[in-house]
Amino acid sequence: MKFSHEKIEKSIVLLGVLSTLTVIWGGLVHIVPLLNDKSVRPDAENTFVKPYDPLRLAGFNIYVREGCYNCHSQMIRPFRWETERYGHYSLAEESAYDRPFQWGSKRTGPDLARVGGKYSDEWHMLHLIDPRSRVPQSNMPSFPWLADTEANVDLTQKSIKTKIKLGEPYTAQNFPEQAGGATGNTLLTNEQIDAWVVESLQGKTELDAMVAYLQGLGRAFKEKR
């Protein structure tokens, strides 16, 4: 008996059921292997990636706010033409503390997954204020207000406290200088977090925070290697 798609295409119920099963199967194939990969669920004792410090976290929040992910990806695919241009392909572990993740889906500009250390701080500052001053053919918008706006202390404090509730290891082991003598997996207290953020962002602008965030991208992986 010859198979025909006509029976499926003319039955809404059958088409819906088979489509659902296909999506479920495709999801399982992608998700289940990752659930058994410890690098996707890093912990304080088994990872080369640490949660963001206050300045970089402030920069991350600005990156999201300005919609940078609409034009820049942070996902180097395991293809030769990508790794030759951008470096080693991205690892799942590197995005573990990105909420929301910044993989992106479009590259109007280059991938930024390993941009950290590629340019100087001054280059990034000038590029953010006036992209054409660094790359004449660039169509990236300018962000001059970043240099005149103070980094947001209150938002950064709340962000870290929220991340702790979501399970991120802001612990004495990862940040011993802020732990006040505590050790191991002891979480930083709210008072320690507040003081840490105030100290880290004192005198810092959003431009400083953005540059710190960009300069950190891909650095943990490079140091691991």
C-alpha atoms as a PDB file:
ATOM      1  CA  MET A   1       0.000   0.000   0.000  1.00  0.00           C
ATOM      2  CA  LYS A   2       1.450   3.295  -1.088  1.00  0.00           C
ATOM      3  CA  PHE A   3       1.854   5.883   1.660  1.00  0.00           C
ATOM      4  CA  SER A   4       0.314   9.288   1.028  1.00  0.00           C
ATOM      5  CA  HIS A   5       0.664  12.529   2.973  1.00  0.00           C
ATOM      6  CA  GLU A   6      -2.852  13.414   1.915  1.00  0.00           C
ATOM      7  CA  LYS A   7      -4.463  11.569   4.846  1.00  0.00           C
ATOM      8  CA  ILE A   8      -2.314  13.468   7.322  1.00  0.00           C
ATOM      9  CA  GLU A   9      -2.684  16.853   5.660  1.00  0.00           C
ATOM     10  CA  LYS A  10      -6.484  16.576   5.489  1.00  0.00           C
ATOM     11  CA  SER A  11      -6.894  15.580   9.141  1.00  0.00           C
ATOM     12  CA  ILE A  12      -6.387  18.426  11.616  1.00  0.00           C
ATOM     13  CA  VAL A  13      -6.306  16.022  14.567  1.00  0.00           C
ATOM     14  CA  LEU A  14      -3.812  13.617  12.997  1.00  0.00           C
ATOM     15  CA  LEU A  15      -1.629  16.462  11.742  1.00  0.00           C
ATOM     16  CA  GLY A  16      -1.669  18.078  15.178  1.00  0.00           C
ATOM     17  CA  VAL A  17      -0.808  14.852  17.009  1.00  0.00           C
ATOM     18  CA  LEU A  18       2.043  13.938  14.665  1.00  0.00           C
ATOM     19  CA  SER A  19       3.426  17.494  14.731  1.00  0.00           C
ATOM     20  CA  THR A  20       3.378  17.459  18.538  1.00  0.00           C
ATOM     21  CA  LEU A  21       5.150  14.099  18.671  1.00  0.00           C
ATOM     22  CA  THR A  22       7.782  15.360  16.227  1.00  0.00           C
ATOM     23  CA  VAL A  23       8.458  18.452  18.339  1.00  0.00           C
ATOM     24  CA  ILE A  24       8.662  16.358  21.528  1.00  0.00           C
ATOM     25  CA  TRP A  25      11.082  13.909  19.946  1.00  0.00           C
ATOM     26  CA  GLY A  26      13.252  16.702  18.558  1.00  0.00           C
ATOM     27  CA  GLY A  27      13.293  18.373  21.966  1.00  0.00           C
ATOM     28  CA  LEU A  28      14.297  15.174  23.738  1.00  0.00           C
ATOM     29  CA  VAL A  29      17.150  14.580  21.314  1.00  0.00           C
ATOM     30  CA  HIS A  30      18.545  18.044  22.061  1.00  0.00           C
ATOM     31  CA  ILE A  31      17.726  18.395  25.762  1.00  0.00           C
ATOM     32  CA  VAL A  32      18.282  14.973  27.360  1.00  0.00           C
ATOM     33  CA  PRO A  33      22.012  14.741  26.488  1.00  0.00           C
ATOM     34  CA  LEU A  34      22.562  18.202  27.989  1.00  0.00           C
ATOM     35  CA  LEU A  35      20.859  17.187  31.237  1.00  0.00           C
ATOM     36  CA  ASN A  36      23.622  14.626  31.731  1.00  0.00           C
ATOM     37  CA  ASP A  37      26.384  17.091  30.858  1.00  0.00           C
ATOM     38  CA  LYS A  38      27.828  18.601  34.034  1.00  0.00           C
ATOM     39  CA  SER A  39      29.252  21.526  32.099  1.00  0.00           C
ATOM     40  CA  VAL A  40      25.703  22.780  31.514  1.00  0.00           C
ATOM     41  CA  ARG A  41      25.022  22.876  35.256  1.00  0.00           C
ATOM     42  CA  PRO A  42      28.264  24.224  36.694  1.00  0.00           C
ATOM     43  CA  ASP A  43      28.837  24.353  40.426  1.00  0.00           C
ATOM     44  CA  ALA A  44      31.399  26.178  42.508  1.00  0.00           C
ATOM     45  CA  GLU A  45      33.723  23.176  42.600  1.00  0.00           C
ATOM     46  CA  ASN A  46      33.514  22.029  38.986  1.00  0.00           C
ATOM     47  CA  THR A  47      33.544  24.946  36.608  1.00  0.00           C
ATOM     48  CA  PHE A  48      35.871  27.478  35.050  1.00  0.00           C
ATOM     49  CA  VAL A  49      33.034  30.015  34.853  1.00  0.00           C
ATOM     50  CA  LYS A  50      32.125  32.244  37.788  1.00  0.00           C
ATOM     51  CA  PRO A  51      29.061  34.469  38.287  1.00  0.00           C
ATOM     52  CA  TYR A  52      29.428  38.079  37.182  1.00  0.00           C
ATOM     53  CA  ASP A  53      31.041  40.556  39.544  1.00  0.00           C
ATOM     54  CA  PRO A  54      29.050  43.810  40.082  1.00  0.00           C
ATOM     55  CA  LEU A  55      30.706  45.876  37.345  1.00  0.00           C
ATOM     56  CA  ARG A  56      30.368  43.189  34.681  1.00  0.00           C
ATOM     57  CA  LEU A  57      26.810  42.407  35.770  1.00  0.00           C
ATOM     58  CA  ALA A  58      25.905  46.082  35.440  1.00  0.00           C
ATOM     59  CA  GLY A  59      27.389  45.947  31.936  1.00  0.00           C
ATOM     60  CA  PHE A  60      25.412  42.805  31.115  1.00  0.00           C
ATOM     61  CA  ASN A  61      22.180  44.538  32.139  1.00  0.00           C
ATOM     62  CA  ILE A  62      23.032  47.498  29.901  1.00  0.00           C
ATOM     63  CA  TYR A  63      23.869  45.158  27.009  1.00  0.00           C
ATOM     64  CA  VAL A  64      20.414  43.604  27.350  1.00  0.00           C
ATOM     65  CA  ARG A  65      18.673  46.950  27.820  1.00  0.00           C
ATOM     66  CA  GLU A  66      20.181  48.414  24.649  1.00  0.00           C
ATOM     67  CA  GLY A  67      19.242  45.340  22.613  1.00  0.00           C
ATOM     68  CA  CYS A  68      22.791  44.515  21.529  1.00  0.00           C
ATOM     69  CA  TYR A  69      21.749  40.873  21.038  1.00  0.00           C
ATOM     70  CA  ASN A  70      19.616  41.974  18.086  1.00  0.00           C
ATOM     71  CA  CYS A  71      22.742  42.598  16.008  1.00  0.00           C
ATOM     72  CA  HIS A  72      25.460  40.582  17.758  1.00  0.00           C
ATOM     73  CA  SER A  73      25.475  36.880  18.510  1.00  0.00           C
ATOM     74  CA  GLN A  74      27.410  35.204  21.305  1.00  0.00           C
ATOM     75  CA  MET A  75      27.394  31.721  19.857  1.00  0.00           C
ATOM     76  CA  ILE A  76      30.318  30.480  17.782  1.00  0.00           C
ATOM     77  CA  ARG A  77      29.169  27.395  15.929  1.00  0.00           C
ATOM     78  CA  PRO A  78      31.505  24.402  15.408  1.00  0.00           C
ATOM     79  CA  PHE A  79      32.203  25.209  11.772  1.00  0.00           C
ATOM     80  CA  ARG A  80      35.659  25.882  10.404  1.00  0.00           C
ATOM     81  CA  TRP A  81      34.724  29.224   8.855  1.00  0.00           C
ATOM     82  CA  GLU A  82      33.453  30.423  12.239  1.00  0.00           C
ATOM     83  CA  THR A  83      36.230  29.101  14.455  1.00  0.00           C
ATOM     84  CA  GLU A  84      38.909  30.521  12.140  1.00  0.00           C
ATOM     85  CA  ARG A  85      37.365  33.971  12.451  1.00  0.00           C
ATOM     86  CA  TYR A  86      36.096  34.053  16.026  1.00  0.00           C
ATOM     87  CA  GLY A  87      37.998  31.346  17.901  1.00  0.00           C
ATOM     88  CA  HIS A  88      37.006  28.103  19.614  1.00  0.00           C
ATOM     89  CA  TYR A  89      33.333  27.207  19.332  1.00  0.00           C
ATOM     90  CA  SER A  90      31.128  28.209  22.257  1.00  0.00           C
ATOM     91  CA  LEU A  91      30.529  25.850  25.179  1.00  0.00           C
ATOM     92  CA  ALA A  92      27.202  25.545  26.984  1.00  0.00           C
ATOM     93  CA  GLU A  93      28.896  26.203  30.316  1.00  0.00           C
ATOM     94  CA  GLU A  94      29.938  29.685  29.228  1.00  0.00           C
ATOM     95  CA  SER A  95      26.306  30.813  29.094  1.00  0.00           C
ATOM     96  CA  ALA A  96      25.278  29.218  32.389  1.00  0.00           C
ATOM     97  CA  TYR A  97      24.924  32.531  34.226  1.00  0.00           C
ATOM     98  CA  ASP A  98      23.443  34.573  31.369  1.00  0.00           C
ATOM     99  CA  ARG A  99      19.839  35.372  32.231  1.00  0.00           C
ATOM    100  CA  PRO A 100      18.549  35.841  29.601  1.00  0.00           C
ATOM    101  CA  PHE A 101      21.026  34.046  27.356  1.00  0.00           C
ATOM    102  CA  GLN A 102      22.670  36.179  24.667  1.00  0.00           C
ATOM    103  CA  TRP A 103      23.206  33.665  21.882  1.00  0.00           C
ATOM    104  CA  GLY A 104      21.354  35.861  19.415  1.00  0.00           C
ATOM    105  CA  SER A 105      20.031  34.887  16.008  1.00  0.00           C
ATOM    106  CA  LYS A 106      21.471  37.562  13.727  1.00  0.00           C
ATOM    107  CA  ARG A 107      24.872  39.002  12.927  1.00  0.00           C
ATOM    108  CA  THR A 108      24.562  42.508  11.639  1.00  0.00           C
ATOM    109  CA  GLY A 109      27.788  42.933  13.577  1.00  0.00           C
ATOM    110  CA  PRO A 110      30.391  40.278  14.461  1.00  0.00           C
ATOM    111  CA  ASP A 111      29.997  37.568  17.076  1.00  0.00           C
ATOM    112  CA  LEU A 112      31.197  38.749  20.488  1.00  0.00           C
ATOM    113  CA  ALA A 113      31.578  35.456  22.346  1.00  0.00           C
ATOM    114  CA  ARG A 114      35.382  35.811  22.489  1.00  0.00           C
ATOM    115  CA  VAL A 115      35.863  39.544  22.003  1.00  0.00           C
ATOM    116  CA  GLY A 116      37.352  39.956  25.488  1.00  0.00           C
ATOM    117  CA  GLY A 117      40.951  41.192  25.266  1.00  0.00           C
ATOM    118  CA  LYS A 118      40.857  41.561  21.492  1.00  0.00           C
ATOM    119  CA  TYR A 119      40.757  45.354  21.718  1.00  0.00           C
ATOM    120  CA  SER A 120      41.818  47.851  24.382  1.00  0.00           C
ATOM    121  CA  ASP A 121      39.432  49.508  26.846  1.00  0.00           C
ATOM    122  CA  GLU A 122      39.965  52.806  25.033  1.00  0.00           C
ATOM    123  CA  TRP A 123      39.019  51.221  21.706  1.00  0.00           C
ATOM    124  CA  HIS A 124      35.745  49.923  23.123  1.00  0.00           C
ATOM    125  CA  MET A 125      34.917  53.278  24.714  1.00  0.00           C
ATOM    126  CA  LEU A 126      35.494  55.188  21.481  1.00  0.00           C
ATOM    127  CA  HIS A 127      33.632  52.552  19.491  1.00  0.00           C
ATOM    128  CA  LEU A 128      30.557  52.712  21.743  1.00  0.00           C
ATOM    129  CA  ILE A 129      30.470  56.518  21.690  1.00  0.00           C
ATOM    130  CA  ASP A 130      31.130  56.803  17.936  1.00  0.00           C
ATOM    131  CA  PRO A 131      31.413  53.493  16.056  1.00  0.00           C
ATOM    132  CA  ARG A 132      32.510  55.172  12.813  1.00  0.00           C
ATOM    133  CA  SER A 133      35.617  56.541  14.537  1.00  0.00           C
ATOM    134  CA  ARG A 134      36.925  52.973  14.856  1.00  0.00           C
ATOM    135  CA  VAL A 135      35.186  51.197  11.975  1.00  0.00           C
ATOM    136  CA  PRO A 136      34.290  53.657   9.166  1.00  0.00           C
ATOM    137  CA  GLN A 137      31.879  51.263   7.424  1.00  0.00           C
ATOM    138  CA  SER A 138      29.984  50.412  10.624  1.00  0.00           C
ATOM    139  CA  ASN A 139      26.197  50.871  10.774  1.00  0.00           C
ATOM    140  CA  MET A 140      26.102  50.415  14.548  1.00  0.00           C
ATOM    141  CA  PRO A 141      24.240  53.157  16.453  1.00  0.00           C
ATOM    142  CA  SER A 142      26.130  55.442  18.833  1.00  0.00           C
ATOM    143  CA  PHE A 143      25.694  55.243  22.610  1.00  0.00           C
ATOM    144  CA  PRO A 144      27.150  58.557  23.874  1.00  0.00           C
ATOM    145  CA  TRP A 145      24.842  58.700  26.918  1.00  0.00           C
ATOM    146  CA  LEU A 146      26.623  55.739  28.478  1.00  0.00           C
ATOM    147  CA  ALA A 147      29.564  57.998  29.308  1.00  0.00           C
ATOM    148  CA  ASP A 148      27.332  60.453  31.177  1.00  0.00           C
ATOM    149  CA  THR A 149      25.173  57.986  33.121  1.00  0.00           C
ATOM    150  CA  GLU A 150      26.197  56.496  36.452  1.00  0.00           C
ATOM    151  CA  ALA A 151      26.133  52.719  36.775  1.00  0.00           C
ATOM    152  CA  ASN A 152      22.935  51.587  38.493  1.00  0.00           C
ATOM    153  CA  VAL A 153      23.788  50.443  42.023  1.00  0.00           C
ATOM    154  CA  ASP A 154      20.259  49.521  43.093  1.00  0.00           C
ATOM    155  CA  LEU A 155      19.533  47.393  40.011  1.00  0.00           C
ATOM    156  CA  THR A 156      22.838  45.564  40.329  1.00  0.00           C
ATOM    157  CA  GLN A 157      22.231  44.778  44.002  1.00  0.00           C
ATOM    158  CA  LYS A 158      18.800  43.393  43.192  1.00  0.00           C
ATOM    159  CA  SER A 159      20.188  41.425  40.243  1.00  0.00           C
ATOM    160  CA  ILE A 160      22.769  39.606  42.371  1.00  0.00           C
ATOM    161  CA  LYS A 161      20.217  38.789  45.079  1.00  0.00           C
ATOM    162  CA  THR A 162      17.846  37.437  42.443  1.00  0.00           C
ATOM    163  CA  LYS A 163      20.605  35.353  40.882  1.00  0.00           C
ATOM    164  CA  ILE A 164      21.353  33.812  44.281  1.00  0.00           C
ATOM    165  CA  LYS A 165      17.694  32.790  44.574  1.00  0.00           C
ATOM    166  CA  LEU A 166      18.045  31.142  41.166  1.00  0.00           C
ATOM    167  CA  GLY A 167      20.973  29.091  42.424  1.00  0.00           C
ATOM    168  CA  GLU A 168      24.005  31.027  41.223  1.00  0.00           C
ATOM    169  CA  PRO A 169      27.020  30.499  43.508  1.00  0.00           C
ATOM    170  CA  TYR A 170      27.815  33.929  44.906  1.00  0.00           C
ATOM    171  CA  THR A 171      29.791  32.132  47.571  1.00  0.00           C
ATOM    172  CA  ALA A 172      32.830  32.648  49.765  1.00  0.00           C
ATOM    173  CA  GLN A 173      34.742  30.234  47.562  1.00  0.00           C
ATOM    174  CA  ASN A 174      34.135  32.269  44.415  1.00  0.00           C
ATOM    175  CA  PHE A 175      34.449  35.696  46.044  1.00  0.00           C
ATOM    176  CA  PRO A 176      36.615  35.290  49.178  1.00  0.00           C
ATOM    177  CA  GLU A 177      37.446  38.994  49.504  1.00  0.00           C
ATOM    178  CA  GLN A 178      33.764  39.826  49.972  1.00  0.00           C
ATOM    179  CA  ALA A 179      32.971  36.929  52.323  1.00  0.00           C
ATOM    180  CA  GLY A 180      34.208  38.456  55.573  1.00  0.00           C
ATOM    181  CA  GLY A 181      36.142  35.380  56.644  1.00  0.00           C
ATOM    182  CA  ALA A 182      33.523  32.822  55.618  1.00  0.00           C
ATOM    183  CA  THR A 183      34.666  29.837  53.575  1.00  0.00           C
ATOM    184  CA  GLY A 184      33.407  27.182  51.196  1.00  0.00           C
ATOM    185  CA  ASN A 185      29.930  27.413  49.729  1.00  0.00           C
ATOM    186  CA  THR A 186      28.665  29.954  52.243  1.00  0.00           C
ATOM    187  CA  LEU A 187      26.570  32.475  50.330  1.00  0.00           C
ATOM    188  CA  LEU A 188      27.314  36.169  50.586  1.00  0.00           C
ATOM    189  CA  THR A 189      24.862  38.015  52.825  1.00  0.00           C
ATOM    190  CA  ASN A 190      22.650  40.846  51.622  1.00  0.00           C
ATOM    191  CA  GLU A 191      24.783  43.308  53.580  1.00  0.00           C
ATOM    192  CA  GLN A 192      27.969  42.009  51.965  1.00  0.00           C
ATOM    193  CA  ILE A 193      26.397  42.201  48.518  1.00  0.00           C
ATOM    194  CA  ASP A 194      25.171  45.765  49.042  1.00  0.00           C
ATOM    195  CA  ALA A 195      28.588  46.939  50.238  1.00  0.00           C
ATOM    196  CA  TRP A 196      30.374  45.086  47.423  1.00  0.00           C
ATOM    197  CA  VAL A 197      28.204  46.646  44.727  1.00  0.00           C
ATOM    198  CA  VAL A 198      28.528  50.160  46.156  1.00  0.00           C
ATOM    199  CA  GLU A 199      32.315  49.822  46.307  1.00  0.00           C
ATOM    200  CA  SER A 200      32.588  48.284  42.825  1.00  0.00           C
ATOM    201  CA  LEU A 201      30.398  50.857  41.082  1.00  0.00           C
ATOM    202  CA  GLN A 202      31.597  53.951  42.918  1.00  0.00           C
ATOM    203  CA  GLY A 203      32.532  56.556  40.315  1.00  0.00           C
ATOM    204  CA  LYS A 204      31.755  54.162  37.448  1.00  0.00           C
ATOM    205  CA  THR A 205      29.641  55.063  34.443  1.00  0.00           C
ATOM    206  CA  GLU A 206      27.524  52.805  32.288  1.00  0.00           C
ATOM    207  CA  LEU A 207      30.301  53.051  29.700  1.00  0.00           C
ATOM    208  CA  ASP A 208      32.792  51.614  32.205  1.00  0.00           C
ATOM    209  CA  ALA A 209      30.390  48.787  33.009  1.00  0.00           C
ATOM    210  CA  MET A 210      29.735  47.992  29.357  1.00  0.00           C
ATOM    211  CA  VAL A 211      33.446  47.859  28.559  1.00  0.00           C
ATOM    212  CA  ALA A 212      34.088  45.603  31.575  1.00  0.00           C
ATOM    213  CA  TYR A 213      31.375  43.236  30.367  1.00  0.00           C
ATOM    214  CA  LEU A 214      32.726  43.114  26.805  1.00  0.00           C
ATOM    215  CA  GLN A 215      36.306  42.637  27.982  1.00  0.00           C
ATOM    216  CA  GLY A 216      35.249  39.617  30.014  1.00  0.00           C
ATOM    217  CA  LEU A 217      33.577  37.748  27.159  1.00  0.00           C
ATOM    218  CA  GLY A 218      35.447  34.532  26.451  1.00  0.00           C
ATOM    219  CA  ARG A 219      38.239  35.285  28.925  1.00  0.00           C
ATOM    220  CA  ALA A 220      37.377  32.454  31.328  1.00  0.00           C
ATOM    221  CA  PHE A 221      37.712  29.910  28.523  1.00  0.00           C
ATOM    222  CA  LYS A 222      41.026  31.382  27.359  1.00  0.00           C
ATOM    223  CA  GLU A 223      42.406  31.266  30.906  1.00  0.00           C
ATOM    224  CA  LYS A 224      41.223  27.664  31.267  1.00  0.00           C
ATOM    225  CA  ARG A 225      43.188  26.644  28.188  1.00  0.00           C
END
